[in-house]
Amino acid sequence: MKRVIFILTVLLISISFTAISQPPPPPEGGSNTSGNKLNGGGAPIGGGAFILIGMAAAYGIRKAYLLNKEELEE
């Protein structure tokens, strides 16, 4: 069961890296189609989501492991 959870976690993380990828930002001084200068610099915001998902998966796996360990001790 632990292997299945680990494999599913790795697959989920690897799929999310490819599914949420963004195209590269425009060259310096790029503009949109109307000619106005873009604000924000095109910084990606997905990195925090990967950390959150990874930490939640690790927390869930640890809780399941501790619960299973307590049941075996009883």
PDB file of N, CA and C in Angstrom:
ATOM      1  N   MET A   1       0.820  -1.192   0.000  1.00  0.00           N
ATOM      2  CA  MET A   1       0.000   0.000   0.000  1.00  0.00           C
ATOM      3  C   MET A   1       0.864   1.256   0.000  1.00  0.00           C
ATOM      4  N   LYS A   2       1.967   1.219   0.748  1.00  0.00           N
ATOM      5  CA  LYS A   2       2.850   2.382   0.795  1.00  0.00           C
ATOM      6  C   LYS A   2       3.444   2.670  -0.571  1.00  0.00           C
ATOM      7  N   ARG A   3       3.801   1.609  -1.281  1.00  0.00           N
ATOM      8  CA  ARG A   3       4.380   1.799  -2.621  1.00  0.00           C
ATOM      9  C   ARG A   3       3.366   2.416  -3.573  1.00  0.00           C
ATOM     10  N   VAL A   4       2.123   1.986  -3.478  1.00  0.00           N
ATOM     11  CA  VAL A   4       1.079   2.523  -4.361  1.00  0.00           C
ATOM     12  C   VAL A   4       0.886   4.014  -4.094  1.00  0.00           C
ATOM     13  N   ILE A   5       0.825   4.385  -2.816  1.00  0.00           N
ATOM     14  CA  ILE A   5       0.655   5.790  -2.470  1.00  0.00           C
ATOM     15  C   ILE A   5       1.852   6.600  -2.945  1.00  0.00           C
ATOM     16  N   PHE A   6       3.052   6.072  -2.769  1.00  0.00           N
ATOM     17  CA  PHE A   6       4.254   6.770  -3.213  1.00  0.00           C
ATOM     18  C   PHE A   6       4.262   6.947  -4.724  1.00  0.00           C
ATOM     19  N   ILE A   7       3.940   5.902  -5.450  1.00  0.00           N
ATOM     20  CA  ILE A   7       3.936   5.972  -6.917  1.00  0.00           C
ATOM     21  C   ILE A   7       2.877   6.966  -7.401  1.00  0.00           C
ATOM     22  N   LEU A   8       1.689   6.935  -6.794  1.00  0.00           N
ATOM     23  CA  LEU A   8       0.641   7.879  -7.188  1.00  0.00           C
ATOM     24  C   LEU A   8       1.040   9.316  -6.888  1.00  0.00           C
ATOM     25  N   THR A   9       1.720   9.531  -5.767  1.00  0.00           N
ATOM     26  CA  THR A   9       2.175  10.876  -5.426  1.00  0.00           C
ATOM     27  C   THR A   9       3.194  11.376  -6.437  1.00  0.00           C
ATOM     28  N   VAL A  10       4.149  10.544  -6.782  1.00  0.00           N
ATOM     29  CA  VAL A  10       5.173  10.931  -7.756  1.00  0.00           C
ATOM     30  C   VAL A  10       4.533  11.215  -9.117  1.00  0.00           C
ATOM     31  N   LEU A  11       3.603  10.381  -9.532  1.00  0.00           N
ATOM     32  CA  LEU A  11       2.933  10.598 -10.817  1.00  0.00           C
ATOM     33  C   LEU A  11       2.120  11.892 -10.809  1.00  0.00           C
ATOM     34  N   LEU A  12       1.423  12.153  -9.708  1.00  0.00           N
ATOM     35  CA  LEU A  12       0.633  13.378  -9.618  1.00  0.00           C
ATOM     36  C   LEU A  12       1.512  14.613  -9.710  1.00  0.00           C
ATOM     37  N   ILE A  13       2.622  14.594  -9.020  1.00  0.00           N
ATOM     38  CA  ILE A  13       3.528  15.741  -9.045  1.00  0.00           C
ATOM     39  C   ILE A  13       4.139  15.915 -10.439  1.00  0.00           C
ATOM     40  N   SER A  14       4.555  14.819 -11.066  1.00  0.00           N
ATOM     41  CA  SER A  14       5.166  14.942 -12.393  1.00  0.00           C
ATOM     42  C   SER A  14       4.148  15.409 -13.439  1.00  0.00           C
ATOM     43  N   ILE A  15       2.914  14.963 -13.323  1.00  0.00           N
ATOM     44  CA  ILE A  15       1.881  15.406 -14.266  1.00  0.00           C
ATOM     45  C   ILE A  15       1.572  16.881 -14.047  1.00  0.00           C
ATOM     46  N   SER A  16       1.543  17.310 -12.788  1.00  0.00           N
ATOM     47  CA  SER A  16       1.216  18.711 -12.528  1.00  0.00           C
ATOM     48  C   SER A  16       2.309  19.648 -13.041  1.00  0.00           C
ATOM     49  N   PHE A  17       3.575  19.200 -13.043  1.00  0.00           N
ATOM     50  CA  PHE A  17       4.640  20.032 -13.586  1.00  0.00           C
ATOM     51  C   PHE A  17       4.430  20.283 -15.075  1.00  0.00           C
ATOM     52  N   THR A  18       3.991  19.289 -15.813  1.00  0.00           N
ATOM     53  CA  THR A  18       3.802  19.470 -17.246  1.00  0.00           C
ATOM     54  C   THR A  18       2.474  20.143 -17.569  1.00  0.00           C
ATOM     55  N   ALA A  19       1.452  19.917 -16.751  1.00  0.00           N
ATOM     56  CA  ALA A  19       0.124  20.472 -17.040  1.00  0.00           C
ATOM     57  C   ALA A  19       0.037  21.965 -16.751  1.00  0.00           C
ATOM     58  N   ILE A  20       0.818  22.465 -15.802  1.00  0.00           N
ATOM     59  CA  ILE A  20       0.701  23.857 -15.395  1.00  0.00           C
ATOM     60  C   ILE A  20       1.858  24.697 -15.940  1.00  0.00           C
ATOM     61  N   SER A  21       2.653  24.133 -16.809  1.00  0.00           N
ATOM     62  CA  SER A  21       3.791  24.899 -17.322  1.00  0.00           C
ATOM     63  C   SER A  21       3.300  26.084 -18.152  1.00  0.00           C
ATOM     64  N   GLN A  22       4.100  27.126 -18.158  1.00  0.00           N
ATOM     65  CA  GLN A  22       3.735  28.354 -18.862  1.00  0.00           C
ATOM     66  C   GLN A  22       4.743  28.631 -19.962  1.00  0.00           C
ATOM     67  N   PRO A  23       4.315  29.348 -20.996  1.00  0.00           N
ATOM     68  CA  PRO A  23       5.273  29.719 -22.039  1.00  0.00           C
ATOM     69  C   PRO A  23       6.266  30.750 -21.486  1.00  0.00           C
ATOM     70  N   PRO A  24       7.421  30.885 -22.117  1.00  0.00           N
ATOM     71  CA  PRO A  24       8.399  31.858 -21.628  1.00  0.00           C
ATOM     72  C   PRO A  24       7.861  33.286 -21.741  1.00  0.00           C
ATOM     73  N   PRO A  25       8.353  34.187 -20.899  1.00  0.00           N
ATOM     74  CA  PRO A  25       7.883  35.570 -20.963  1.00  0.00           C
ATOM     75  C   PRO A  25       8.350  36.239 -22.252  1.00  0.00           C
ATOM     76  N   PRO A  26       7.667  37.311 -22.662  1.00  0.00           N
ATOM     77  CA  PRO A  26       8.083  38.014 -23.875  1.00  0.00           C
ATOM     78  C   PRO A  26       9.439  38.683 -23.661  1.00  0.00           C
ATOM     79  N   PRO A  27      10.128  39.022 -24.743  1.00  0.00           N
ATOM     80  CA  PRO A  27      11.408  39.703 -24.612  1.00  0.00           C
ATOM     81  C   PRO A  27      11.258  41.023 -23.848  1.00  0.00           C
ATOM     82  N   GLU A  28      12.362  41.517 -23.323  1.00  0.00           N
ATOM     83  CA  GLU A  28      12.354  42.763 -22.540  1.00  0.00           C
ATOM     84  C   GLU A  28      11.686  43.873 -23.347  1.00  0.00           C
ATOM     85  N   GLY A  29      10.774  44.566 -22.700  1.00  0.00           N
ATOM     86  CA  GLY A  29      10.068  45.653 -23.379  1.00  0.00           C
ATOM     87  C   GLY A  29       8.940  45.155 -24.257  1.00  0.00           C
ATOM     88  N   GLY A  30       8.502  43.887 -24.046  1.00  0.00           N
ATOM     89  CA  GLY A  30       7.424  43.332 -24.838  1.00  0.00           C
ATOM     90  C   GLY A  30       6.114  44.048 -24.590  1.00  0.00           C
ATOM     91  N   SER A  31       5.219  43.940 -25.507  1.00  0.00           N
ATOM     92  CA  SER A  31       3.924  44.594 -25.353  1.00  0.00           C
ATOM     93  C   SER A  31       2.834  43.635 -25.799  1.00  0.00           C
ATOM     94  N   ASN A  32       1.609  43.917 -25.390  1.00  0.00           N
ATOM     95  CA  ASN A  32       0.492  43.091 -25.827  1.00  0.00           C
ATOM     96  C   ASN A  32       0.032  43.539 -27.211  1.00  0.00           C
ATOM     97  N   THR A  33      -1.056  42.980 -27.695  1.00  0.00           N
ATOM     98  CA  THR A  33      -1.483  43.255 -29.076  1.00  0.00           C
ATOM     99  C   THR A  33      -1.940  44.697 -29.288  1.00  0.00           C
ATOM    100  N   SER A  34      -2.387  45.379 -28.225  1.00  0.00           N
ATOM    101  CA  SER A  34      -2.862  46.751 -28.410  1.00  0.00           C
ATOM    102  C   SER A  34      -1.721  47.772 -28.341  1.00  0.00           C
ATOM    103  N   GLY A  35      -0.505  47.323 -28.056  1.00  0.00           N
ATOM    104  CA  GLY A  35       0.626  48.229 -28.009  1.00  0.00           C
ATOM    105  C   GLY A  35       0.944  48.756 -26.628  1.00  0.00           C
ATOM    106  N   ASN A  36       0.109  48.461 -25.643  1.00  0.00           N
ATOM    107  CA  ASN A  36       0.376  48.907 -24.278  1.00  0.00           C
ATOM    108  C   ASN A  36       1.423  48.012 -23.622  1.00  0.00           C
ATOM    109  N   LYS A  37       2.256  48.598 -22.777  1.00  0.00           N
ATOM    110  CA  LYS A  37       3.290  47.832 -22.093  1.00  0.00           C
ATOM    111  C   LYS A  37       2.653  46.937 -21.040  1.00  0.00           C
ATOM    112  N   LEU A  38       3.140  45.675 -20.956  1.00  0.00           N
ATOM    113  CA  LEU A  38       2.623  44.716 -19.982  1.00  0.00           C
ATOM    114  C   LEU A  38       3.176  44.996 -18.591  1.00  0.00           C
ATOM    115  N   ASN A  39       2.381  44.771 -17.576  1.00  0.00           N
ATOM    116  CA  ASN A  39       2.812  44.913 -16.194  1.00  0.00           C
ATOM    117  C   ASN A  39       3.069  43.536 -15.590  1.00  0.00           C
ATOM    118  N   GLY A  40       3.959  43.444 -14.597  1.00  0.00           N
ATOM    119  CA  GLY A  40       4.154  42.211 -13.860  1.00  0.00           C
ATOM    120  C   GLY A  40       5.365  41.420 -14.270  1.00  0.00           C
ATOM    121  N   GLY A  41       5.890  41.593 -15.442  1.00  0.00           N
ATOM    122  CA  GLY A  41       7.095  40.898 -15.862  1.00  0.00           C
ATOM    123  C   GLY A  41       6.911  39.434 -16.207  1.00  0.00           C
ATOM    124  N   GLY A  42       5.728  38.882 -16.157  1.00  0.00           N
ATOM    125  CA  GLY A  42       5.492  37.496 -16.550  1.00  0.00           C
ATOM    126  C   GLY A  42       6.052  36.485 -15.569  1.00  0.00           C
ATOM    127  N   ALA A  43       6.099  36.792 -14.283  1.00  0.00           N
ATOM    128  CA  ALA A  43       6.628  35.870 -13.286  1.00  0.00           C
ATOM    129  C   ALA A  43       5.651  34.710 -13.080  1.00  0.00           C
ATOM    130  N   PRO A  44       6.155  33.455 -13.055  1.00  0.00           N
ATOM    131  CA  PRO A  44       5.267  32.318 -12.821  1.00  0.00           C
ATOM    132  C   PRO A  44       4.816  32.276 -11.365  1.00  0.00           C
ATOM    133  N   ILE A  45       3.596  31.833 -11.124  1.00  0.00           N
ATOM    134  CA  ILE A  45       3.079  31.755  -9.760  1.00  0.00           C
ATOM    135  C   ILE A  45       2.763  30.322  -9.362  1.00  0.00           C
ATOM    136  N   GLY A  46       3.126  29.353 -10.169  1.00  0.00           N
ATOM    137  CA  GLY A  46       2.783  27.963  -9.894  1.00  0.00           C
ATOM    138  C   GLY A  46       3.701  27.270  -8.917  1.00  0.00           C
ATOM    139  N   GLY A  47       4.885  27.785  -8.628  1.00  0.00           N
ATOM    140  CA  GLY A  47       5.837  27.107  -7.753  1.00  0.00           C
ATOM    141  C   GLY A  47       5.309  26.880  -6.352  1.00  0.00           C
ATOM    142  N   GLY A  48       4.571  27.819  -5.819  1.00  0.00           N
ATOM    143  CA  GLY A  48       4.008  27.668  -4.488  1.00  0.00           C
ATOM    144  C   GLY A  48       2.977  26.558  -4.425  1.00  0.00           C
ATOM    145  N   ALA A  49       2.249  26.360  -5.505  1.00  0.00           N
ATOM    146  CA  ALA A  49       1.248  25.294  -5.534  1.00  0.00           C
ATOM    147  C   ALA A  49       1.920  23.933  -5.454  1.00  0.00           C
ATOM    148  N   PHE A  50       3.064  23.772  -6.115  1.00  0.00           N
ATOM    149  CA  PHE A  50       3.780  22.493  -6.066  1.00  0.00           C
ATOM    150  C   PHE A  50       4.272  22.202  -4.651  1.00  0.00           C
ATOM    151  N   ILE A  51       4.757  23.216  -3.975  1.00  0.00           N
ATOM    152  CA  ILE A  51       5.229  23.032  -2.607  1.00  0.00           C
ATOM    153  C   ILE A  51       4.052  22.661  -1.708  1.00  0.00           C
ATOM    154  N   LEU A  52       2.933  23.344  -1.858  1.00  0.00           N
ATOM    155  CA  LEU A  52       1.747  23.060  -1.052  1.00  0.00           C
ATOM    156  C   LEU A  52       1.248  21.636  -1.281  1.00  0.00           C
ATOM    157  N   ILE A  53       1.171  21.208  -2.523  1.00  0.00           N
ATOM    158  CA  ILE A  53       0.708  19.856  -2.837  1.00  0.00           C
ATOM    159  C   ILE A  53       1.672  18.814  -2.274  1.00  0.00           C
ATOM    160  N   GLY A  54       2.962  19.051  -2.426  1.00  0.00           N
ATOM    161  CA  GLY A  54       3.956  18.116  -1.914  1.00  0.00           C
ATOM    162  C   GLY A  54       3.915  17.990  -0.403  1.00  0.00           C
ATOM    163  N   MET A  55       3.789  19.110   0.278  1.00  0.00           N
ATOM    164  CA  MET A  55       3.731  19.077   1.741  1.00  0.00           C
ATOM    165  C   MET A  55       2.438  18.412   2.223  1.00  0.00           C
ATOM    166  N   ALA A  56       1.332  18.648   1.547  1.00  0.00           N
ATOM    167  CA  ALA A  56       0.073  18.004   1.918  1.00  0.00           C
ATOM    168  C   ALA A  56       0.155  16.492   1.716  1.00  0.00           C
ATOM    169  N   ALA A  57       0.781  16.061   0.625  1.00  0.00           N
ATOM    170  CA  ALA A  57       0.940  14.630   0.379  1.00  0.00           C
ATOM    171  C   ALA A  57       1.837  14.001   1.446  1.00  0.00           C
ATOM    172  N   ALA A  58       2.931  14.661   1.785  1.00  0.00           N
ATOM    173  CA  ALA A  58       3.830  14.136   2.813  1.00  0.00           C
ATOM    174  C   ALA A  58       3.121  14.051   4.160  1.00  0.00           C
ATOM    175  N   TYR A  59       2.339  15.052   4.500  1.00  0.00           N
ATOM    176  CA  TYR A  59       1.590  15.056   5.758  1.00  0.00           C
ATOM    177  C   TYR A  59       0.577  13.909   5.781  1.00  0.00           C
ATOM    178  N   GLY A  60      -0.141  13.718   4.694  1.00  0.00           N
ATOM    179  CA  GLY A  60      -1.128  12.639   4.627  1.00  0.00           C
ATOM    180  C   GLY A  60      -0.495  11.266   4.726  1.00  0.00           C
ATOM    181  N   ILE A  61       0.638  11.086   4.060  1.00  0.00           N
ATOM    182  CA  ILE A  61       1.338   9.805   4.116  1.00  0.00           C
ATOM    183  C   ILE A  61       1.830   9.540   5.531  1.00  0.00           C
ATOM    184  N   ARG A  62       2.355  10.557   6.183  1.00  0.00           N
ATOM    185  CA  ARG A  62       2.849  10.392   7.557  1.00  0.00           C
ATOM    186  C   ARG A  62       1.701  10.049   8.507  1.00  0.00           C
ATOM    187  N   LYS A  63       0.565  10.737   8.372  1.00  0.00           N
ATOM    188  CA  LYS A  63      -0.579  10.449   9.234  1.00  0.00           C
ATOM    189  C   LYS A  63      -1.085   9.021   9.008  1.00  0.00           C
ATOM    190  N   ALA A  64      -1.132   8.573   7.768  1.00  0.00           N
ATOM    191  CA  ALA A  64      -1.573   7.212   7.475  1.00  0.00           C
ATOM    192  C   ALA A  64      -0.593   6.195   8.051  1.00  0.00           C
ATOM    193  N   TYR A  65       0.688   6.492   7.963  1.00  0.00           N
ATOM    194  CA  TYR A  65       1.705   5.591   8.511  1.00  0.00           C
ATOM    195  C   TYR A  65       1.573   5.492  10.025  1.00  0.00           C
ATOM    196  N   LEU A  66       1.412   6.628  10.704  1.00  0.00           N
ATOM    197  CA  LEU A  66       1.276   6.608  12.161  1.00  0.00           C
ATOM    198  C   LEU A  66      -0.006   5.904  12.594  1.00  0.00           C
ATOM    199  N   LEU A  67      -1.090   6.083  11.866  1.00  0.00           N
ATOM    200  CA  LEU A  67      -2.345   5.414  12.186  1.00  0.00           C
ATOM    201  C   LEU A  67      -2.191   3.909  12.036  1.00  0.00           C
ATOM    202  N   ASN A  68      -1.546   3.471  10.974  1.00  0.00           N
ATOM    203  CA  ASN A  68      -1.311   2.052  10.732  1.00  0.00           C
ATOM    204  C   ASN A  68      -0.389   1.482  11.809  1.00  0.00           C
ATOM    205  N   LYS A  69       0.608   2.235  12.209  1.00  0.00           N
ATOM    206  CA  LYS A  69       1.550   1.801  13.235  1.00  0.00           C
ATOM    207  C   LYS A  69       0.838   1.617  14.576  1.00  0.00           C
ATOM    208  N   GLU A  70      -0.079   2.525  14.934  1.00  0.00           N
ATOM    209  CA  GLU A  70      -0.828   2.420  16.186  1.00  0.00           C
ATOM    210  C   GLU A  70      -1.743   1.205  16.175  1.00  0.00           C
ATOM    211  N   GLU A  71      -2.358   0.909  15.032  1.00  0.00           N
ATOM    212  CA  GLU A  71      -3.242  -0.263  14.934  1.00  0.00           C
ATOM    213  C   GLU A  71      -2.455  -1.542  15.089  1.00  0.00           C
ATOM    214  N   LEU A  72      -1.242  -1.607  14.581  1.00  0.00           N
ATOM    215  CA  LEU A  72      -0.422  -2.812  14.699  1.00  0.00           C
ATOM    216  C   LEU A  72       0.060  -3.018  16.133  1.00  0.00           C
ATOM    217  N   GLU A  73       0.297  -1.936  16.869  1.00  0.00           N
ATOM    218  CA  GLU A  73       0.759  -2.058  18.238  1.00  0.00           C
ATOM    219  C   GLU A  73      -0.340  -2.555  19.173  1.00  0.00           C
ATOM    220  N   GLU A  74      -1.596  -2.283  18.860  1.00  0.00           N
ATOM    221  CA  GLU A  74      -2.711  -2.721  19.703  1.00  0.00           C
ATOM    222  C   GLU A  74      -2.985  -4.150  19.455  1.00  0.00           C
TER     223      GLU A  74
END
